Amino acid sequence: MTIAAEAEGSLLVRAGAALGDACRRAGLDATGATLLRSFANTVYHLPAERAVVRLAEATTPGRYDRLVISVRVTQWLAEQGFPAIRPLPVKQPVAAEGFLATFWRHEEHIGPPPDPAQLGPLLRRLHDLPPVPFELPTHDPFGTVRRAIDASVVLDGDDRAWLLGRCEALAETYYERLEFALPYGLIHGDAHRGNMIRTLGGFVLCDWDGVCAGPREIDLIPTLQGVRFGLTERQRANFVEAYGYDATAWAGYPVLRDMRELQTLTTVLRNAHRDRAAREELRHRLDSLRAGDDRLWHPF
């Protein structure tokens, strides 16, 4: 067995124990639980509860507070009638076996994958909501990726120094000097079509771990930067039309695009030591960034 396979197996063993413990504490039936995904989070379906459990490793600084906010915001969004994934009415997050568990209503995806144009109206509706009646964390564009760079066990010294230097240059030379065109307020924080679920009742926006207060342009960049992952110019244009604002025509767009490219490294950095595909993709993206080219990247 390879080191990566051992690491993945160890993670799933720990996650399985955490799942049982967390469900007992929340009063939920874990009978027949099935693994849906194990990457940024370990996600299980609970068929007996028609629910999903998301397990996040508790070692990330500030993770508990972020999960508390994600639950509170989605509860508020439900009150506003906004189509966000709904948290279960249980006390959460639950700490168990080194993980933090959150519990959500299971929504079955039906039909083809969402198109970026279908995300535009959701984001416009989100950004037009009244102010959230409680304090939100402030958008931190570099904190997560910097922590992932520091914690990575696969980066060599040269790549680590280059990435940290790139973060520093973008933060101090460009981002801190930007003048944003859109209002400041509630943002999803990781808005892309992969976080949309097509249901019988319409589209639902999920994965609110990054919800915060920040410039609204932040929510537009993942789709506009999606040419890295094969999005066509027509798809981008349709998204722009559906949202009602073209951030690519704004002078700050190249800065946010370059920042987003760094941010997309976060998950592969965290998983490269236990997942060969993630390790290969990390090398692919790093080589591309350091060469300054526009080769296609592969989504995770």
Protein backbone atom coordinates (compact mmCIF):
# COMPACT_ATOMS: atom_id res chain seq x y z
CA MET A 1 0.00 0.00 0.00
CA THR A 2 1.32 3.47 -0.88
CA ILE A 3 1.75 6.25 1.66
CA ALA A 4 -1.05 8.19 -0.06
CA ALA A 5 -3.41 5.22 0.14
CA GLU A 6 -2.57 4.73 3.81
CA ALA A 7 -3.26 8.40 4.50
CA GLU A 8 -6.60 8.24 2.69
CA GLY A 9 -7.56 5.05 4.48
CA SER A 10 -6.63 6.53 7.84
CA LEU A 11 -8.71 9.63 7.13
CA LEU A 12 -11.77 7.59 6.22
CA VAL A 13 -11.42 5.39 9.31
CA ARG A 14 -11.30 8.48 11.50
CA ALA A 15 -14.17 10.08 9.58
CA GLY A 16 -16.29 6.96 9.97
CA ALA A 17 -15.80 7.01 13.73
CA ALA A 18 -16.55 10.74 13.81
CA LEU A 19 -19.72 10.22 11.79
CA GLY A 20 -21.15 7.73 14.26
CA ASP A 21 -20.22 9.85 17.27
CA ALA A 22 -21.56 13.09 15.78
CA CYS A 23 -24.87 11.52 14.73
CA ARG A 24 -25.39 10.05 18.20
CA ARG A 25 -24.80 13.47 19.75
CA ALA A 26 -27.20 15.13 17.32
CA GLY A 27 -29.87 12.44 17.79
CA LEU A 28 -29.71 11.33 14.15
CA ASP A 29 -29.90 7.83 12.67
CA ALA A 30 -26.72 6.95 10.75
CA THR A 31 -28.04 3.58 9.52
CA GLY A 32 -27.02 2.98 5.92
CA ALA A 33 -24.76 6.04 5.74
CA THR A 34 -22.86 6.22 2.45
CA LEU A 35 -19.76 8.20 1.55
CA LEU A 36 -20.44 10.87 -1.08
CA ARG A 37 -17.11 12.66 -1.22
CA SER A 38 -13.78 12.87 0.56
CA PHE A 39 -11.67 15.82 -0.46
CA ALA A 40 -12.00 19.31 1.01
CA ASN A 41 -14.56 17.81 3.40
CA THR A 42 -15.70 14.25 4.01
CA VAL A 43 -19.40 14.08 3.15
CA TYR A 44 -21.90 11.34 3.98
CA HIS A 45 -25.52 10.77 3.01
CA LEU A 46 -27.86 9.66 5.81
CA PRO A 47 -30.77 8.00 3.98
CA ALA A 48 -32.73 7.40 7.18
CA GLU A 49 -32.74 11.15 7.86
CA ARG A 50 -32.74 12.40 4.25
CA ALA A 51 -29.74 14.42 5.33
CA VAL A 52 -26.08 15.06 4.55
CA VAL A 53 -23.28 15.24 7.10
CA ARG A 54 -20.20 17.31 6.27
CA LEU A 55 -17.09 16.54 8.29
CA ALA A 56 -14.33 19.15 8.35
CA GLU A 57 -11.04 18.54 10.10
CA ALA A 58 -11.01 20.63 13.25
CA THR A 59 -7.34 21.61 13.06
CA THR A 60 -7.86 24.56 10.70
CA PRO A 61 -7.73 27.84 12.67
CA GLY A 62 -11.12 29.52 12.94
CA ARG A 63 -12.97 26.58 11.38
CA TYR A 64 -15.51 26.22 14.21
CA ASP A 65 -16.51 29.88 14.05
CA ARG A 66 -16.82 29.71 10.25
CA LEU A 67 -19.16 26.73 10.48
CA VAL A 68 -21.28 28.48 13.11
CA ILE A 69 -21.66 31.40 10.72
CA SER A 70 -22.51 29.14 7.76
CA VAL A 71 -25.35 27.56 9.74
CA ARG A 72 -26.62 30.89 11.03
CA VAL A 73 -26.53 32.56 7.61
CA THR A 74 -28.35 29.71 5.88
CA GLN A 75 -31.02 29.78 8.58
CA TRP A 76 -31.45 33.50 7.88
CA LEU A 77 -31.51 32.89 4.13
CA ALA A 78 -34.32 30.37 4.65
CA GLU A 79 -36.30 33.11 6.41
CA GLN A 80 -35.70 35.37 3.40
CA GLY A 81 -36.95 32.69 1.01
CA PHE A 82 -33.57 32.44 -0.69
CA PRO A 83 -32.84 28.99 -2.22
CA ALA A 84 -29.86 27.99 -0.11
CA ILE A 85 -29.21 24.51 1.27
CA ARG A 86 -30.99 24.18 4.62
CA PRO A 87 -29.28 23.15 7.87
CA LEU A 88 -31.06 20.59 10.01
CA PRO A 89 -32.72 21.94 13.18
CA VAL A 90 -30.13 20.41 15.52
CA LYS A 91 -27.46 21.95 17.67
CA GLN A 92 -24.37 22.23 15.48
CA PRO A 93 -21.47 22.11 14.67
CA VAL A 94 -20.67 18.97 16.63
CA ALA A 95 -17.05 18.19 17.56
CA ALA A 96 -16.22 14.49 17.19
CA GLU A 97 -12.96 12.57 16.82
CA GLY A 98 -10.97 15.54 15.51
CA PHE A 99 -13.70 16.64 13.10
CA LEU A 100 -16.45 19.24 13.12
CA ALA A 101 -19.77 17.94 11.80
CA THR A 102 -22.58 19.96 10.27
CA PHE A 103 -25.93 18.52 9.19
CA TRP A 104 -27.90 19.56 6.13
CA ARG A 105 -31.04 18.61 4.28
CA HIS A 106 -30.23 16.27 1.41
CA GLU A 107 -31.14 17.65 -2.02
CA GLU A 108 -30.98 15.22 -4.92
CA HIS A 109 -29.45 16.71 -8.06
CA ILE A 110 -31.54 16.02 -11.15
CA GLY A 111 -30.81 16.62 -14.80
CA PRO A 112 -27.66 18.02 -16.43
CA PRO A 113 -25.03 20.07 -14.61
CA PRO A 114 -26.01 23.73 -14.09
CA ASP A 115 -24.89 26.29 -16.63
CA PRO A 116 -23.06 29.45 -15.47
CA ALA A 117 -25.94 31.56 -16.82
CA GLN A 118 -28.18 29.93 -14.21
CA LEU A 119 -25.86 31.07 -11.42
CA GLY A 120 -26.10 34.74 -12.41
CA PRO A 121 -29.69 35.33 -11.21
CA LEU A 122 -29.00 33.50 -7.93
CA LEU A 123 -26.07 35.76 -7.16
CA ARG A 124 -27.98 38.89 -8.14
CA ARG A 125 -30.79 37.83 -5.82
CA LEU A 126 -28.32 37.08 -3.01
CA HIS A 127 -26.60 40.45 -3.39
CA ASP A 128 -29.94 42.29 -3.42
CA LEU A 129 -31.05 40.90 -0.05
CA PRO A 130 -31.34 43.28 2.91
CA PRO A 131 -28.34 43.52 5.25
CA VAL A 132 -27.74 40.48 7.44
CA PRO A 133 -28.88 41.40 11.00
CA PHE A 134 -25.73 40.05 12.69
CA GLU A 135 -22.00 40.42 12.27
CA LEU A 136 -20.27 38.52 9.48
CA PRO A 137 -16.57 37.74 9.20
CA THR A 138 -14.67 39.99 6.82
CA HIS A 139 -13.51 38.51 3.53
CA ASP A 140 -9.91 37.31 3.87
CA PRO A 141 -8.64 36.68 0.35
CA PHE A 142 -5.25 35.22 1.26
CA GLY A 143 -5.57 33.67 4.71
CA THR A 144 -6.79 30.23 3.62
CA VAL A 145 -4.31 29.74 0.80
CA ARG A 146 -1.40 31.03 2.91
CA ARG A 147 -2.24 28.52 5.64
CA ALA A 148 -2.44 25.73 3.05
CA ILE A 149 0.95 26.74 1.61
CA ASP A 150 2.52 26.79 5.09
CA ALA A 151 1.03 23.42 6.03
CA SER A 152 1.77 21.59 2.76
CA VAL A 153 4.12 18.63 3.07
CA VAL A 154 4.66 18.24 -0.69
CA LEU A 155 5.94 21.70 -1.63
CA ASP A 156 9.68 22.19 -1.91
CA GLY A 157 11.28 25.34 -0.55
CA ASP A 158 11.42 27.10 -3.91
CA ASP A 159 7.72 26.57 -4.72
CA ARG A 160 6.69 27.55 -1.19
CA ALA A 161 8.70 30.77 -1.33
CA TRP A 162 7.34 31.63 -4.79
CA LEU A 163 3.72 31.09 -3.72
CA LEU A 164 4.06 33.12 -0.53
CA GLY A 165 5.79 35.87 -2.47
CA ARG A 166 3.00 35.86 -5.03
CA CYS A 167 0.40 36.21 -2.28
CA GLU A 168 2.35 39.08 -0.75
CA ALA A 169 2.73 40.93 -4.06
CA LEU A 170 -0.94 40.62 -4.97
CA ALA A 171 -2.05 41.68 -1.50
CA GLU A 172 0.18 44.69 -0.94
CA THR A 173 0.78 45.95 -4.48
CA TYR A 174 -2.67 45.42 -5.96
CA TYR A 175 -5.57 44.23 -3.81
CA GLU A 176 -5.23 46.79 -1.04
CA ARG A 177 -5.38 49.58 -3.63
CA LEU A 178 -8.47 48.42 -5.52
CA GLU A 179 -11.55 50.61 -5.82
CA PHE A 180 -14.54 48.29 -6.12
CA ALA A 181 -17.48 49.15 -8.34
CA LEU A 182 -20.16 47.07 -6.59
CA PRO A 183 -21.46 47.57 -3.03
CA TYR A 184 -19.87 45.82 -0.05
CA GLY A 185 -22.00 43.22 1.75
CA LEU A 186 -23.02 39.57 2.04
CA ILE A 187 -21.14 37.25 -0.33
CA HIS A 188 -21.14 33.48 -0.74
CA GLY A 189 -17.35 33.39 -0.91
CA ASP A 190 -16.98 30.43 -3.29
CA ALA A 191 -19.74 30.91 -5.83
CA HIS A 192 -19.43 28.65 -8.86
CA ARG A 193 -21.76 26.29 -10.68
CA GLY A 194 -20.29 23.29 -8.86
CA ASN A 195 -21.99 24.61 -5.73
CA MET A 196 -25.42 24.60 -7.35
CA ILE A 197 -27.93 21.75 -7.06
CA ARG A 198 -30.70 21.37 -9.65
CA THR A 199 -33.85 20.21 -7.85
CA LEU A 200 -37.48 19.79 -8.91
CA GLY A 201 -38.18 23.14 -7.26
CA GLY A 202 -35.32 25.00 -8.90
CA PHE A 203 -31.67 25.65 -8.18
CA VAL A 204 -30.24 25.58 -4.66
CA LEU A 205 -26.92 27.16 -3.69
CA CYS A 206 -24.83 25.07 -1.30
CA ASP A 207 -21.43 25.00 0.46
CA TRP A 208 -21.56 28.17 2.56
CA ASP A 209 -18.30 27.61 4.45
CA GLY A 210 -16.83 30.79 2.97
CA VAL A 211 -19.80 33.09 3.55
CA CYS A 212 -18.72 36.53 4.73
CA ALA A 213 -18.94 40.26 4.13
CA GLY A 214 -16.89 41.55 1.25
CA PRO A 215 -16.87 43.13 -2.21
CA ARG A 216 -19.59 41.59 -4.38
CA GLU A 217 -17.11 41.20 -7.25
CA ILE A 218 -15.59 38.29 -5.28
CA ASP A 219 -18.64 36.15 -6.08
CA LEU A 220 -18.36 36.83 -9.81
CA ILE A 221 -14.70 35.95 -10.30
CA PRO A 222 -14.90 32.13 -9.98
CA THR A 223 -17.11 31.94 -13.06
CA LEU A 224 -15.23 34.57 -15.04
CA GLN A 225 -11.93 32.86 -14.21
CA GLY A 226 -13.51 29.57 -15.25
CA VAL A 227 -11.84 29.70 -18.67
CA ARG A 228 -8.99 27.95 -16.84
CA PHE A 229 -11.36 25.00 -16.45
CA GLY A 230 -12.82 25.01 -19.94
CA LEU A 231 -15.64 27.57 -19.73
CA THR A 232 -16.28 29.17 -23.11
CA GLU A 233 -16.51 32.89 -23.84
CA ARG A 234 -20.21 32.38 -24.63
CA GLN A 235 -20.81 30.84 -21.20
CA ARG A 236 -19.02 33.74 -19.54
CA ALA A 237 -21.01 36.27 -21.58
CA ASN A 238 -24.29 34.57 -20.65
CA PHE A 239 -23.32 34.68 -16.97
CA VAL A 240 -22.48 38.38 -17.21
CA GLU A 241 -25.81 39.10 -18.89
CA ALA A 242 -27.73 37.07 -16.31
CA TYR A 243 -26.08 38.85 -13.36
CA GLY A 244 -26.25 42.29 -14.94
CA TYR A 245 -22.68 43.49 -14.52
CA ASP A 246 -19.47 42.75 -16.44
CA ALA A 247 -16.60 42.58 -13.96
CA THR A 248 -14.13 41.83 -16.77
CA ALA A 249 -14.53 45.44 -17.92
CA TRP A 250 -13.53 46.73 -14.46
CA ALA A 251 -9.89 47.74 -13.98
CA GLY A 252 -9.50 45.48 -10.93
CA TYR A 253 -10.55 42.28 -12.69
CA PRO A 254 -7.02 41.00 -13.51
CA VAL A 255 -6.08 41.31 -9.82
CA LEU A 256 -9.06 39.29 -8.59
CA ARG A 257 -8.55 36.76 -11.39
CA ASP A 258 -4.92 36.20 -10.34
CA MET A 259 -5.98 35.96 -6.70
CA ARG A 260 -8.61 33.36 -7.56
CA GLU A 261 -6.03 31.28 -9.40
CA LEU A 262 -3.97 31.11 -6.22
CA GLN A 263 -7.05 30.31 -4.14
CA THR A 264 -7.89 27.33 -6.35
CA LEU A 265 -4.66 25.72 -5.11
CA THR A 266 -5.96 25.46 -1.54
CA THR A 267 -7.72 22.11 -1.77
CA VAL A 268 -5.06 20.42 -3.88
CA LEU A 269 -2.39 21.68 -1.47
CA ARG A 270 -4.26 20.15 1.46
CA ASN A 271 -4.77 16.81 -0.26
CA ALA A 272 -1.67 16.34 -2.42
CA HIS A 273 0.07 14.19 0.21
CA ARG A 274 -2.73 11.60 0.18
CA ASP A 275 -4.12 11.83 -3.35
CA ARG A 276 -1.95 11.24 -6.41
CA ALA A 277 -4.35 13.06 -8.77
CA ALA A 278 -4.31 16.12 -6.49
CA ARG A 279 -0.51 16.01 -6.35
CA GLU A 280 -0.26 15.84 -10.14
CA GLU A 281 -2.77 18.66 -10.57
CA LEU A 282 -0.91 20.80 -8.06
CA ARG A 283 2.29 20.37 -10.07
CA HIS A 284 0.40 21.16 -13.28
CA ARG A 285 -1.08 24.38 -11.89
CA LEU A 286 2.17 25.49 -10.28
CA ASP A 287 4.08 25.02 -13.51
CA SER A 288 1.41 26.99 -15.34
CA LEU A 289 1.41 29.84 -12.82
CA ARG A 290 5.18 30.12 -12.75
CA ALA A 291 5.36 30.05 -16.55
CA GLY A 292 2.60 32.67 -16.80
CA ASP A 293 0.69 30.69 -19.42
CA ASP A 294 -3.03 30.01 -19.86
CA ARG A 295 -3.06 26.22 -20.19
CA LEU A 296 -6.23 24.45 -19.07
CA TRP A 297 -6.52 23.15 -15.51
CA HIS A 298 -8.52 20.15 -14.32
CA PRO A 299 -11.38 20.66 -11.83
CA PHE A 300 -11.72 18.76 -8.55
